Amino acid sequence: MIELEYTGSVLTLTLARSPVNAINDEWIDRFNAILDELGMRTDVSVLVLRSSQRSFSAGADLKLMRECFTGDAGRARMLEVVRRMQRLYDRIERLPQVTIAVLGGAAFGGGFELALSCDLRVAADEAQLGLPEARLGLLPGAGGTQRLTRLCGPGAARRLILTAETLDGSQAKTLGIVQWAVPAAGLDGFALQLAQRVAALSPHALAACKQCLGVADGSSQHGMAVELHLTAALFAHADTRQRVNDFLQR
């Protein structure tokens, strides 16, 4: 369902639930267990999310959708699933590690919302991305309306959500939804180089940068106070001292 590979300070998480990495309860349970394990490790600074299937993730499992829309408990069941997805994606967003989503195939609905919870996104030029929930009388409830608006602005977010438009990777890059779009043949190599580049940076500085970026939606005064506080913490860190010393000795 989900496979793990540790390479130095990079953890590659491969979605492997055939055929389209559909999201169900077991998938959410497994993902949460992986994050629990990651929380106990201090040697990982980069988390790469990729897929071994043709799709990155097509969203909710059809069996789960049928379960939610049949029977008296369907509404409560649906809300439970949405809450669990919200909490999982919030956990991913709050990780101290830098997260990279590698979108080689389709990412729709909850699968696209998973990618939106990551820090960095690289897509194949022809990858298909979208939030089609309005076609079914639903909405992107696992953070899609919020994260997409913050990421690319209200105009582009409204375009995607209110028209259920599907974008390819190149279009998504133009709108700022993914940071890179590359030919499919070079996607894995590009993602590997990106992960290695990030992994070479200070993990403590990266975690601090993520904290500052996480409060950027608030007042600039508060954000700069957080910057000052974390700058002081980094100044005293042995890793910072060593890196600065190495730089000055060049």
C-alpha atoms as a PDB file:
ATOM      1  CA  MET A   1       0.000   0.000   0.000  1.00  0.00           C
ATOM      2  CA  ILE A   2       2.794   2.418   0.986  1.00  0.00           C
ATOM      3  CA  GLU A   3       6.487   1.552   0.688  1.00  0.00           C
ATOM      4  CA  LEU A   4       9.390   3.255   2.456  1.00  0.00           C
ATOM      5  CA  GLU A   5      13.032   3.682   1.476  1.00  0.00           C
ATOM      6  CA  TYR A   6      15.607   5.499   3.601  1.00  0.00           C
ATOM      7  CA  THR A   7      18.618   6.935   1.768  1.00  0.00           C
ATOM      8  CA  GLY A   8      20.786   9.041   4.039  1.00  0.00           C
ATOM      9  CA  SER A   9      18.580  11.807   5.390  1.00  0.00           C
ATOM     10  CA  VAL A  10      15.934  11.323   2.682  1.00  0.00           C
ATOM     11  CA  LEU A  11      12.854   9.168   3.224  1.00  0.00           C
ATOM     12  CA  THR A  12      11.066   8.219   0.013  1.00  0.00           C
ATOM     13  CA  LEU A  13       7.440   7.253   0.551  1.00  0.00           C
ATOM     14  CA  THR A  14       6.017   5.424  -2.465  1.00  0.00           C
ATOM     15  CA  LEU A  15       2.256   5.148  -2.836  1.00  0.00           C
ATOM     16  CA  ALA A  16       1.676   1.624  -4.122  1.00  0.00           C
ATOM     17  CA  ARG A  17      -2.026   0.849  -3.769  1.00  0.00           C
ATOM     18  CA  SER A  18      -3.052  -0.534  -7.144  1.00  0.00           C
ATOM     19  CA  PRO A  19      -4.446   0.643  -9.438  1.00  0.00           C
ATOM     20  CA  VAL A  20      -4.800   4.378  -8.671  1.00  0.00           C
ATOM     21  CA  ASN A  21      -3.724   4.845  -5.021  1.00  0.00           C
ATOM     22  CA  ALA A  22      -7.310   5.374  -3.917  1.00  0.00           C
ATOM     23  CA  ILE A  23      -7.678   6.665  -0.367  1.00  0.00           C
ATOM     24  CA  ASN A  24      -9.443   4.547   2.255  1.00  0.00           C
ATOM     25  CA  ASP A  25      -9.291   4.015   6.014  1.00  0.00           C
ATOM     26  CA  GLU A  26      -6.412   1.554   5.830  1.00  0.00           C
ATOM     27  CA  TRP A  27      -4.429   3.993   3.691  1.00  0.00           C
ATOM     28  CA  ILE A  28      -4.988   6.781   6.232  1.00  0.00           C
ATOM     29  CA  ASP A  29      -4.031   4.446   9.102  1.00  0.00           C
ATOM     30  CA  ARG A  30      -0.822   3.424   7.349  1.00  0.00           C
ATOM     31  CA  PHE A  31       0.116   7.018   6.562  1.00  0.00           C
ATOM     32  CA  ASN A  32      -0.441   8.103  10.163  1.00  0.00           C
ATOM     33  CA  ALA A  33       1.694   5.205  11.404  1.00  0.00           C
ATOM     34  CA  ILE A  34       4.503   6.309   9.087  1.00  0.00           C
ATOM     35  CA  LEU A  35       4.302   9.853  10.438  1.00  0.00           C
ATOM     36  CA  ASP A  36       4.427   8.455  13.979  1.00  0.00           C
ATOM     37  CA  GLU A  37       7.619   6.603  13.049  1.00  0.00           C
ATOM     38  CA  LEU A  38       9.050   9.685  11.354  1.00  0.00           C
ATOM     39  CA  GLY A  39       8.403  11.729  14.484  1.00  0.00           C
ATOM     40  CA  MET A  40      10.786   9.485  16.423  1.00  0.00           C
ATOM     41  CA  ARG A  41      13.646   9.912  13.950  1.00  0.00           C
ATOM     42  CA  THR A  42      16.073  12.809  13.958  1.00  0.00           C
ATOM     43  CA  ASP A  43      18.094  11.629  10.960  1.00  0.00           C
ATOM     44  CA  VAL A  44      15.521  12.459   8.259  1.00  0.00           C
ATOM     45  CA  SER A  45      15.270  15.989   6.865  1.00  0.00           C
ATOM     46  CA  VAL A  46      13.478  15.347   3.566  1.00  0.00           C
ATOM     47  CA  LEU A  47      10.314  13.355   2.837  1.00  0.00           C
ATOM     48  CA  VAL A  48       9.621  12.540  -0.820  1.00  0.00           C
ATOM     49  CA  LEU A  49       6.123  11.398  -1.804  1.00  0.00           C
ATOM     50  CA  ARG A  50       5.869   9.561  -5.112  1.00  0.00           C
ATOM     51  CA  SER A  51       3.810   6.830  -6.747  1.00  0.00           C
ATOM     52  CA  SER A  52       4.596   3.489  -8.346  1.00  0.00           C
ATOM     53  CA  GLN A  53       1.210   3.535 -10.106  1.00  0.00           C
ATOM     54  CA  ARG A  54       0.028   5.415 -13.188  1.00  0.00           C
ATOM     55  CA  SER A  55      -1.736   7.884 -10.897  1.00  0.00           C
ATOM     56  CA  PHE A  56      -0.227   9.789  -7.997  1.00  0.00           C
ATOM     57  CA  SER A  57      -3.643   9.364  -6.357  1.00  0.00           C
ATOM     58  CA  ALA A  58      -7.128   9.496  -7.859  1.00  0.00           C
ATOM     59  CA  GLY A  59      -8.693  10.477  -4.539  1.00  0.00           C
ATOM     60  CA  ALA A  60     -11.271   8.662  -2.443  1.00  0.00           C
ATOM     61  CA  ASP A  61     -11.831   4.932  -2.849  1.00  0.00           C
ATOM     62  CA  LEU A  62     -15.071   4.152  -4.722  1.00  0.00           C
ATOM     63  CA  LYS A  63     -16.042   1.511  -2.166  1.00  0.00           C
ATOM     64  CA  LEU A  64     -15.654   4.105   0.577  1.00  0.00           C
ATOM     65  CA  MET A  65     -17.801   6.569  -1.362  1.00  0.00           C
ATOM     66  CA  ARG A  66     -20.548   3.975  -1.775  1.00  0.00           C
ATOM     67  CA  GLU A  67     -20.400   3.291   1.949  1.00  0.00           C
ATOM     68  CA  CYS A  68     -20.749   6.996   2.722  1.00  0.00           C
ATOM     69  CA  PHE A  69     -23.750   7.448   0.449  1.00  0.00           C
ATOM     70  CA  THR A  70     -25.750   4.407   1.533  1.00  0.00           C
ATOM     71  CA  GLY A  71     -27.393   3.729   4.876  1.00  0.00           C
ATOM     72  CA  ASP A  72     -28.493   5.956   7.712  1.00  0.00           C
ATOM     73  CA  ALA A  73     -24.953   6.511   8.998  1.00  0.00           C
ATOM     74  CA  GLY A  74     -23.610   7.697   5.638  1.00  0.00           C
ATOM     75  CA  ARG A  75     -23.387  11.385   6.544  1.00  0.00           C
ATOM     76  CA  ALA A  76     -21.558  10.719   9.805  1.00  0.00           C
ATOM     77  CA  ARG A  77     -19.255   8.292   8.012  1.00  0.00           C
ATOM     78  CA  MET A  78     -18.386  10.828   5.331  1.00  0.00           C
ATOM     79  CA  LEU A  79     -17.646  13.549   7.878  1.00  0.00           C
ATOM     80  CA  GLU A  80     -15.442  11.133   9.818  1.00  0.00           C
ATOM     81  CA  VAL A  81     -13.388  10.380   6.707  1.00  0.00           C
ATOM     82  CA  VAL A  82     -13.053  14.062   5.802  1.00  0.00           C
ATOM     83  CA  ARG A  83     -11.922  14.900   9.349  1.00  0.00           C
ATOM     84  CA  ARG A  84      -9.332  12.123   9.243  1.00  0.00           C
ATOM     85  CA  MET A  85      -7.978  13.378   5.922  1.00  0.00           C
ATOM     86  CA  GLN A  86      -7.866  16.955   7.213  1.00  0.00           C
ATOM     87  CA  ARG A  87      -5.909  15.861  10.278  1.00  0.00           C
ATOM     88  CA  LEU A  88      -3.507  13.730   8.252  1.00  0.00           C
ATOM     89  CA  TYR A  89      -2.772  16.486   5.766  1.00  0.00           C
ATOM     90  CA  ASP A  90      -2.360  18.981   8.606  1.00  0.00           C
ATOM     91  CA  ARG A  91       0.234  16.641  10.119  1.00  0.00           C
ATOM     92  CA  ILE A  92       2.101  16.515   6.818  1.00  0.00           C
ATOM     93  CA  GLU A  93       2.017  20.296   6.486  1.00  0.00           C
ATOM     94  CA  ARG A  94       3.398  20.737  10.022  1.00  0.00           C
ATOM     95  CA  LEU A  95       6.282  18.285   9.656  1.00  0.00           C
ATOM     96  CA  PRO A  96       9.715  19.769  10.403  1.00  0.00           C
ATOM     97  CA  GLN A  97      11.041  17.849   7.402  1.00  0.00           C
ATOM     98  CA  VAL A  98      10.825  19.371   3.930  1.00  0.00           C
ATOM     99  CA  THR A  99       8.179  17.486   1.960  1.00  0.00           C
ATOM    100  CA  ILE A 100       8.339  16.996  -1.812  1.00  0.00           C
ATOM    101  CA  ALA A 101       5.427  15.644  -3.887  1.00  0.00           C
ATOM    102  CA  VAL A 102       6.473  14.033  -7.175  1.00  0.00           C
ATOM    103  CA  LEU A 103       3.486  14.046  -9.520  1.00  0.00           C
ATOM    104  CA  GLY A 104       4.113  11.682 -12.387  1.00  0.00           C
ATOM    105  CA  GLY A 105       0.457  10.934 -13.087  1.00  0.00           C
ATOM    106  CA  ALA A 106      -3.039  12.028 -12.216  1.00  0.00           C
ATOM    107  CA  ALA A 107      -3.699  13.691  -8.863  1.00  0.00           C
ATOM    108  CA  PHE A 108      -7.370  14.373  -8.273  1.00  0.00           C
ATOM    109  CA  GLY A 109      -9.495  15.283  -5.282  1.00  0.00           C
ATOM    110  CA  GLY A 110      -7.958  14.038  -2.057  1.00  0.00           C
ATOM    111  CA  GLY A 111      -4.859  12.951  -3.968  1.00  0.00           C
ATOM    112  CA  PHE A 112      -4.284  16.498  -5.187  1.00  0.00           C
ATOM    113  CA  GLU A 113      -5.002  17.801  -1.678  1.00  0.00           C
ATOM    114  CA  LEU A 114      -2.253  15.488  -0.411  1.00  0.00           C
ATOM    115  CA  ALA A 115       0.195  17.140  -2.812  1.00  0.00           C
ATOM    116  CA  LEU A 116      -1.014  20.587  -1.725  1.00  0.00           C
ATOM    117  CA  SER A 117      -0.073  19.755   1.875  1.00  0.00           C
ATOM    118  CA  CYS A 118       3.568  19.326   0.829  1.00  0.00           C
ATOM    119  CA  ASP A 119       6.165  22.092   0.726  1.00  0.00           C
ATOM    120  CA  LEU A 120       7.389  21.480  -2.804  1.00  0.00           C
ATOM    121  CA  ARG A 121       5.739  19.959  -5.857  1.00  0.00           C
ATOM    122  CA  VAL A 122       7.331  18.802  -9.091  1.00  0.00           C
ATOM    123  CA  ALA A 123       5.083  17.467 -11.856  1.00  0.00           C
ATOM    124  CA  ALA A 124       5.519  15.782 -15.186  1.00  0.00           C
ATOM    125  CA  ASP A 125       4.497  18.134 -17.985  1.00  0.00           C
ATOM    126  CA  GLU A 126       1.552  15.903 -18.881  1.00  0.00           C
ATOM    127  CA  ALA A 127       0.428  15.025 -15.329  1.00  0.00           C
ATOM    128  CA  GLN A 128      -3.285  15.682 -14.810  1.00  0.00           C
ATOM    129  CA  LEU A 129      -4.225  17.671 -11.701  1.00  0.00           C
ATOM    130  CA  GLY A 130      -7.559  18.889 -10.424  1.00  0.00           C
ATOM    131  CA  LEU A 131     -10.304  19.169  -7.838  1.00  0.00           C
ATOM    132  CA  PRO A 132     -13.427  17.742  -9.531  1.00  0.00           C
ATOM    133  CA  GLU A 133     -15.624  17.512  -6.419  1.00  0.00           C
ATOM    134  CA  ALA A 134     -18.219  20.030  -7.650  1.00  0.00           C
ATOM    135  CA  ARG A 135     -19.139  17.595 -10.439  1.00  0.00           C
ATOM    136  CA  LEU A 136     -20.405  15.260  -7.715  1.00  0.00           C
ATOM    137  CA  GLY A 137     -22.107  17.944  -5.659  1.00  0.00           C
ATOM    138  CA  LEU A 138     -19.253  18.010  -3.147  1.00  0.00           C
ATOM    139  CA  LEU A 139     -16.312  20.274  -2.309  1.00  0.00           C
ATOM    140  CA  PRO A 140     -12.574  19.770  -1.739  1.00  0.00           C
ATOM    141  CA  GLY A 141     -12.927  19.332   2.018  1.00  0.00           C
ATOM    142  CA  ALA A 142      -9.502  17.973   2.966  1.00  0.00           C
ATOM    143  CA  GLY A 143      -7.974  21.436   2.932  1.00  0.00           C
ATOM    144  CA  GLY A 144      -8.232  22.003  -0.809  1.00  0.00           C
ATOM    145  CA  THR A 145     -10.141  25.282  -0.714  1.00  0.00           C
ATOM    146  CA  GLN A 146      -7.775  26.708   1.896  1.00  0.00           C
ATOM    147  CA  ARG A 147      -4.379  25.538   0.679  1.00  0.00           C
ATOM    148  CA  LEU A 148      -5.010  26.186  -3.001  1.00  0.00           C
ATOM    149  CA  THR A 149      -6.152  29.747  -2.252  1.00  0.00           C
ATOM    150  CA  ARG A 150      -3.043  30.425  -0.152  1.00  0.00           C
ATOM    151  CA  LEU A 151      -0.827  28.842  -2.768  1.00  0.00           C
ATOM    152  CA  CYS A 152      -1.928  30.486  -6.001  1.00  0.00           C
ATOM    153  CA  GLY A 153      -4.365  33.220  -4.940  1.00  0.00           C
ATOM    154  CA  PRO A 154      -8.156  33.410  -4.925  1.00  0.00           C
ATOM    155  CA  GLY A 155      -8.500  33.948  -8.665  1.00  0.00           C
ATOM    156  CA  ALA A 156      -6.686  30.787  -9.724  1.00  0.00           C
ATOM    157  CA  ALA A 157      -8.227  28.787  -6.869  1.00  0.00           C
ATOM    158  CA  ARG A 158     -11.714  29.821  -7.940  1.00  0.00           C
ATOM    159  CA  ARG A 159     -10.873  28.929 -11.518  1.00  0.00           C
ATOM    160  CA  LEU A 160      -9.932  25.371 -10.601  1.00  0.00           C
ATOM    161  CA  ILE A 161     -12.532  24.678  -7.929  1.00  0.00           C
ATOM    162  CA  LEU A 162     -15.556  26.447  -9.411  1.00  0.00           C
ATOM    163  CA  THR A 163     -15.077  25.027 -12.913  1.00  0.00           C
ATOM    164  CA  ALA A 164     -13.642  21.610 -11.906  1.00  0.00           C
ATOM    165  CA  GLU A 165     -10.927  22.262 -14.494  1.00  0.00           C
ATOM    166  CA  THR A 166      -8.156  19.741 -15.031  1.00  0.00           C
ATOM    167  CA  LEU A 167      -4.676  21.164 -15.531  1.00  0.00           C
ATOM    168  CA  ASP A 168      -1.561  19.518 -16.858  1.00  0.00           C
ATOM    169  CA  GLY A 169       1.752  19.933 -15.102  1.00  0.00           C
ATOM    170  CA  SER A 170       2.907  22.798 -17.309  1.00  0.00           C
ATOM    171  CA  GLN A 171      -0.300  24.759 -16.717  1.00  0.00           C
ATOM    172  CA  ALA A 172      -0.045  24.112 -12.981  1.00  0.00           C
ATOM    173  CA  LYS A 173       3.475  25.553 -12.974  1.00  0.00           C
ATOM    174  CA  THR A 174       2.284  28.678 -14.791  1.00  0.00           C
ATOM    175  CA  LEU A 175      -0.313  29.219 -12.057  1.00  0.00           C
ATOM    176  CA  GLY A 176       2.226  28.596  -9.284  1.00  0.00           C
ATOM    177  CA  ILE A 177       0.553  25.398  -8.077  1.00  0.00           C
ATOM    178  CA  VAL A 178       3.673  23.315  -8.697  1.00  0.00           C
ATOM    179  CA  GLN A 179       7.146  24.817  -8.543  1.00  0.00           C
ATOM    180  CA  TRP A 180       8.595  22.707 -11.353  1.00  0.00           C
ATOM    181  CA  ALA A 181       7.236  20.916 -14.425  1.00  0.00           C
ATOM    182  CA  VAL A 182       9.584  18.638 -16.348  1.00  0.00           C
ATOM    183  CA  PRO A 183       9.326  15.987 -19.073  1.00  0.00           C
ATOM    184  CA  ALA A 184       8.085  12.682 -17.666  1.00  0.00           C
ATOM    185  CA  ALA A 185      11.283  10.873 -18.652  1.00  0.00           C
ATOM    186  CA  GLY A 186      13.324  13.172 -16.439  1.00  0.00           C
ATOM    187  CA  LEU A 187      10.941  13.427 -13.491  1.00  0.00           C
ATOM    188  CA  ASP A 188      12.530  10.870 -11.168  1.00  0.00           C
ATOM    189  CA  GLY A 189      16.035  12.158 -11.817  1.00  0.00           C
ATOM    190  CA  PHE A 190      14.979  15.749 -11.218  1.00  0.00           C
ATOM    191  CA  ALA A 191      13.180  14.803  -7.998  1.00  0.00           C
ATOM    192  CA  LEU A 192      16.235  12.897  -6.758  1.00  0.00           C
ATOM    193  CA  GLN A 193      18.532  15.859  -7.402  1.00  0.00           C
ATOM    194  CA  LEU A 194      16.050  18.180  -5.687  1.00  0.00           C
ATOM    195  CA  ALA A 195      15.845  15.939  -2.621  1.00  0.00           C
ATOM    196  CA  GLN A 196      19.639  15.687  -2.437  1.00  0.00           C
ATOM    197  CA  ARG A 197      19.994  19.462  -2.742  1.00  0.00           C
ATOM    198  CA  VAL A 198      17.581  20.055   0.126  1.00  0.00           C
ATOM    199  CA  ALA A 199      19.126  17.274   2.216  1.00  0.00           C
ATOM    200  CA  ALA A 200      22.512  19.023   2.008  1.00  0.00           C
ATOM    201  CA  LEU A 201      21.108  22.034   3.860  1.00  0.00           C
ATOM    202  CA  SER A 202      20.894  22.398   7.627  1.00  0.00           C
ATOM    203  CA  PRO A 203      17.887  20.413   8.891  1.00  0.00           C
ATOM    204  CA  HIS A 204      17.542  22.739  11.870  1.00  0.00           C
ATOM    205  CA  ALA A 205      17.530  25.807   9.635  1.00  0.00           C
ATOM    206  CA  LEU A 206      14.996  24.180   7.309  1.00  0.00           C
ATOM    207  CA  ALA A 207      12.669  23.389  10.209  1.00  0.00           C
ATOM    208  CA  ALA A 208      12.995  26.971  11.445  1.00  0.00           C
ATOM    209  CA  CYS A 209      12.316  28.349   7.972  1.00  0.00           C
ATOM    210  CA  LYS A 210       9.174  26.221   7.791  1.00  0.00           C
ATOM    211  CA  GLN A 211       7.975  27.624  11.105  1.00  0.00           C
ATOM    212  CA  CYS A 212       8.442  31.171   9.827  1.00  0.00           C
ATOM    213  CA  LEU A 213       6.721  30.415   6.537  1.00  0.00           C
ATOM    214  CA  GLY A 214       3.870  28.832   8.475  1.00  0.00           C
ATOM    215  CA  VAL A 215       2.993  32.137  10.145  1.00  0.00           C
ATOM    216  CA  ALA A 216       3.402  34.267   7.022  1.00  0.00           C
ATOM    217  CA  ASP A 217      -0.383  34.533   6.617  1.00  0.00           C
ATOM    218  CA  GLY A 218      -0.585  36.477   9.883  1.00  0.00           C
ATOM    219  CA  SER A 219       0.741  39.911  10.710  1.00  0.00           C
ATOM    220  CA  SER A 220       4.238  40.771   9.524  1.00  0.00           C
ATOM    221  CA  GLN A 221       5.055  41.983  13.041  1.00  0.00           C
ATOM    222  CA  HIS A 222       4.346  38.543  14.475  1.00  0.00           C
ATOM    223  CA  GLY A 223       6.208  36.865  11.634  1.00  0.00           C
ATOM    224  CA  MET A 224       9.323  38.946  12.219  1.00  0.00           C
ATOM    225  CA  ALA A 225       9.138  38.223  15.949  1.00  0.00           C
ATOM    226  CA  VAL A 226       9.171  34.512  15.113  1.00  0.00           C
ATOM    227  CA  GLU A 227      12.119  35.092  12.770  1.00  0.00           C
ATOM    228  CA  LEU A 228      14.024  36.854  15.554  1.00  0.00           C
ATOM    229  CA  HIS A 229      13.275  34.123  18.091  1.00  0.00           C
ATOM    230  CA  LEU A 230      14.343  31.317  15.771  1.00  0.00           C
ATOM    231  CA  THR A 231      17.433  33.210  14.603  1.00  0.00           C
ATOM    232  CA  ALA A 232      18.553  33.327  18.233  1.00  0.00           C
ATOM    233  CA  ALA A 233      17.913  29.601  18.599  1.00  0.00           C
ATOM    234  CA  LEU A 234      19.865  28.781  15.439  1.00  0.00           C
ATOM    235  CA  PHE A 235      22.751  31.045  16.485  1.00  0.00           C
ATOM    236  CA  ALA A 236      23.319  28.827  19.500  1.00  0.00           C
ATOM    237  CA  HIS A 237      23.022  25.537  17.591  1.00  0.00           C
ATOM    238  CA  ALA A 238      26.162  23.458  17.091  1.00  0.00           C
ATOM    239  CA  ASP A 239      25.247  22.674  13.477  1.00  0.00           C
ATOM    240  CA  THR A 240      25.027  26.377  12.652  1.00  0.00           C
ATOM    241  CA  ARG A 241      28.341  27.070  14.397  1.00  0.00           C
ATOM    242  CA  GLN A 242      30.046  24.302  12.418  1.00  0.00           C
ATOM    243  CA  ARG A 243      28.588  25.381   9.079  1.00  0.00           C
ATOM    244  CA  VAL A 244      29.508  29.039   9.613  1.00  0.00           C
ATOM    245  CA  ASN A 245      33.015  28.081  10.743  1.00  0.00           C
ATOM    246  CA  ASP A 246      33.494  25.899   7.646  1.00  0.00           C
ATOM    247  CA  PHE A 247      32.294  28.778   5.460  1.00  0.00           C
ATOM    248  CA  LEU A 248      34.655  31.287   7.088  1.00  0.00           C
ATOM    249  CA  GLN A 249      37.613  28.925   6.745  1.00  0.00           C
ATOM    250  CA  ARG A 250      37.346  28.750   2.968  1.00  0.00           C
END
